[in-house]
Amino acid sequence: MPAEEFNALVGKVSAEIADRPLDDGLAAHLNATFPKDGPDFERLAALCAEGDAEGWLMAREAGGIKFGRAVKPGTDAGRFSVDVVRMKDVRGPHHVHTQGEIGAVLPIAGAPKFDDFDAGWYVYAPGTDHHPTVSGGDAYVVYWLPDGAIEFTGKP
C-alpha cells in the first residue's frame, strides 16, 4: 500500500533527523544520506506523485497550492509532523518555523527552486520565517515540523 510505504519512508528520514540541531550540518547530512539521485529520494518523489494522483496525500487546495498533513506528530514520524505541498510558480502564505523545518524539494517539471533551494534537502532553524515560494517549475515539497509546530502570520 503506497500510503503505508510513504509513512515508513518518512519514518526512516525522521530517525535520521532525531534530535539533531536544525542547521546546515543537518541539511548536509540528509543530502549525503538521502541524495536527490538516490533510491529513497526517488521513491519519495514517486510516492508523492502516486498520492497526488490517487488523492490520499494532498486533500486540500488553496491559492494554487495543493497541500495536506500526511503524518501527525507522535505517529510514524516520531515527534515530527510531515506535510506535503505541490507548488508551481507560486508564493505561499507567510509563516514562522517556531521550532524549525526540515524539507525535501522534489521536482516534477521544469527546474523548480523552493525559495533558493534546488532539488534536495534544506533546513530552516527555529524562529525563521518566509513566504514559501516555488519558481521555475512544478515541485512537491515534503517537510518535517518538530511537534507539528508552525505559525501562519497572515502577513501579505
Protein backbone atom coordinates (compact mmCIF):
# COMPACT_ATOMS: atom_id res chain seq x y z
CA MET A 1 0.00 0.00 0.00
CA PRO A 2 1.51 3.33 -1.06
CA ALA A 3 0.30 5.33 1.97
CA GLU A 4 1.91 2.85 4.37
CA GLU A 5 5.11 2.86 2.33
CA PHE A 6 5.12 6.67 2.41
CA ASN A 7 4.72 6.62 6.20
CA ALA A 8 7.55 4.09 6.58
CA LEU A 9 9.87 6.14 4.37
CA VAL A 10 9.21 9.41 6.20
CA GLY A 11 9.72 7.49 9.44
CA LYS A 12 13.14 6.39 8.17
CA VAL A 13 14.05 10.02 7.46
CA SER A 14 12.69 11.09 10.86
CA ALA A 15 15.01 8.58 12.55
CA GLU A 16 17.96 10.27 10.80
CA ILE A 17 16.81 13.71 11.93
CA ALA A 18 16.11 12.57 15.50
CA ASP A 19 17.32 15.24 17.91
CA ARG A 20 20.00 16.74 15.68
CA PRO A 21 20.33 20.53 15.63
CA LEU A 22 18.37 22.15 12.79
CA ASP A 23 21.25 23.73 10.89
CA ASP A 24 23.34 23.48 7.72
CA GLY A 25 25.05 20.38 9.12
CA LEU A 26 21.73 18.54 9.18
CA ALA A 27 21.00 19.59 5.59
CA ALA A 28 24.42 18.30 4.52
CA HIS A 29 23.82 15.04 6.41
CA LEU A 30 20.44 14.49 4.74
CA ASN A 31 21.81 15.35 1.28
CA ALA A 32 24.57 12.75 1.82
CA THR A 33 22.33 10.09 3.40
CA PHE A 34 19.34 10.53 1.06
CA PRO A 35 20.83 12.12 -2.10
CA LYS A 36 18.48 13.54 -4.72
CA ASP A 37 19.55 10.83 -7.18
CA GLY A 38 19.35 8.04 -4.60
CA PRO A 39 16.66 5.35 -4.28
CA ASP A 40 14.95 6.73 -1.15
CA PHE A 41 14.65 10.27 -2.53
CA GLU A 42 13.40 8.97 -5.88
CA ARG A 43 10.91 6.70 -4.13
CA LEU A 44 9.67 9.61 -2.02
CA ALA A 45 9.03 11.58 -5.23
CA ALA A 46 7.21 8.62 -6.79
CA LEU A 47 5.04 8.15 -3.69
CA CYS A 48 4.17 11.86 -3.71
CA ALA A 49 3.09 11.58 -7.36
CA GLU A 50 1.07 8.46 -6.59
CA GLY A 51 -0.57 10.05 -3.55
CA ASP A 52 -1.32 13.17 -5.59
CA ALA A 53 -2.92 11.20 -8.43
CA GLU A 54 -4.92 8.98 -6.07
CA GLY A 55 -5.97 11.81 -3.76
CA TRP A 56 -4.73 10.41 -0.45
CA LEU A 57 -1.77 12.73 0.11
CA MET A 58 -2.89 16.32 -0.52
CA ALA A 59 -6.62 16.59 0.02
CA ARG A 60 -6.78 20.40 0.11
CA GLU A 61 -6.09 23.19 -2.33
CA ALA A 62 -5.94 26.97 -1.91
CA GLY A 63 -4.21 29.76 -3.77
CA GLY A 64 -2.83 27.40 -6.40
CA ILE A 65 -1.20 25.15 -3.77
CA LYS A 66 -2.23 21.57 -3.10
CA PHE A 67 -1.43 20.53 0.46
CA GLY A 68 -2.02 18.09 3.26
CA ARG A 69 -0.68 16.90 6.58
CA ALA A 70 0.33 13.33 5.74
CA VAL A 71 1.63 12.33 9.17
CA LYS A 72 0.73 13.77 12.56
CA PRO A 73 3.32 14.13 15.32
CA GLY A 74 3.60 11.16 17.64
CA THR A 75 2.97 8.57 14.93
CA ASP A 76 5.14 7.15 12.11
CA ALA A 77 7.50 10.15 12.10
CA GLY A 78 8.15 10.30 15.83
CA ARG A 79 7.82 13.82 17.20
CA PHE A 80 7.53 15.31 13.70
CA SER A 81 4.54 16.08 11.56
CA VAL A 82 5.04 15.58 7.83
CA ASP A 83 3.28 17.86 5.37
CA VAL A 84 3.32 17.75 1.58
CA VAL A 85 2.63 20.61 -0.81
CA ARG A 86 2.59 20.84 -4.58
CA MET A 87 3.56 24.27 -5.85
CA LYS A 88 4.10 25.62 -9.34
CA ASP A 89 5.44 29.14 -9.76
CA VAL A 90 3.56 30.36 -6.71
CA ARG A 91 4.18 32.18 -3.43
CA GLY A 92 2.59 30.68 -0.35
CA PRO A 93 1.33 32.15 2.93
CA HIS A 94 3.82 33.70 5.34
CA HIS A 95 4.65 31.58 8.35
CA VAL A 96 7.14 31.17 11.19
CA HIS A 97 9.01 27.92 11.85
CA THR A 98 8.65 28.15 15.62
CA GLN A 99 10.77 25.00 16.14
CA GLY A 100 12.33 24.82 12.67
CA GLU A 101 11.59 22.97 9.44
CA ILE A 102 13.36 20.20 7.54
CA GLY A 103 12.31 19.71 3.92
CA ALA A 104 12.87 17.94 0.64
CA VAL A 105 12.36 19.64 -2.73
CA LEU A 106 11.16 17.09 -5.30
CA PRO A 107 10.96 18.47 -8.86
CA ILE A 108 8.02 17.49 -11.07
CA ALA A 109 8.58 19.66 -14.16
CA GLY A 110 10.95 22.42 -15.19
CA ALA A 111 13.82 23.44 -12.92
CA PRO A 112 11.93 24.46 -9.79
CA LYS A 113 13.53 26.17 -6.84
CA PHE A 114 11.90 26.27 -3.46
CA ASP A 115 12.98 29.65 -2.09
CA ASP A 116 16.68 29.43 -3.04
CA PHE A 117 16.91 25.63 -2.81
CA ASP A 118 17.28 23.26 -5.76
CA ALA A 119 16.22 19.61 -5.60
CA GLY A 120 17.39 18.03 -2.37
CA TRP A 121 17.22 18.83 1.33
CA TYR A 122 17.02 22.13 3.21
CA VAL A 123 16.78 23.10 6.86
CA TYR A 124 15.32 26.23 8.42
CA ALA A 125 16.37 26.95 12.01
CA PRO A 126 13.84 27.61 14.78
CA GLY A 127 12.37 31.10 14.61
CA THR A 128 12.91 31.60 10.87
CA ASP A 129 10.07 32.81 8.68
CA HIS A 130 9.22 33.15 5.00
CA HIS A 131 6.69 33.12 2.20
CA PRO A 132 7.37 29.65 0.74
CA THR A 133 7.91 30.19 -2.98
CA VAL A 134 8.43 27.83 -5.89
CA SER A 135 9.76 29.40 -9.08
CA GLY A 136 10.94 27.92 -12.37
CA GLY A 137 8.66 24.92 -12.41
CA ASP A 138 6.47 22.50 -10.51
CA ALA A 139 7.58 20.69 -7.33
CA TYR A 140 6.47 18.67 -4.35
CA VAL A 141 7.89 19.89 -1.08
CA VAL A 142 7.78 17.44 1.82
CA TYR A 143 8.54 19.00 5.17
CA TRP A 144 9.01 17.82 8.71
CA LEU A 145 7.96 20.10 11.57
CA PRO A 146 9.13 19.32 15.12
CA ASP A 147 5.97 18.71 17.19
CA GLY A 148 3.94 19.89 14.17
CA ALA A 149 4.73 23.49 15.13
CA ILE A 150 4.08 26.21 12.55
CA GLU A 151 2.57 29.67 12.91
CA PHE A 152 0.81 31.30 9.96
CA THR A 153 1.01 35.07 10.35
CA GLY A 154 -1.33 36.45 7.69
CA LYS A 155 1.39 38.89 6.55
CA PRO A 156 0.99 39.93 2.92
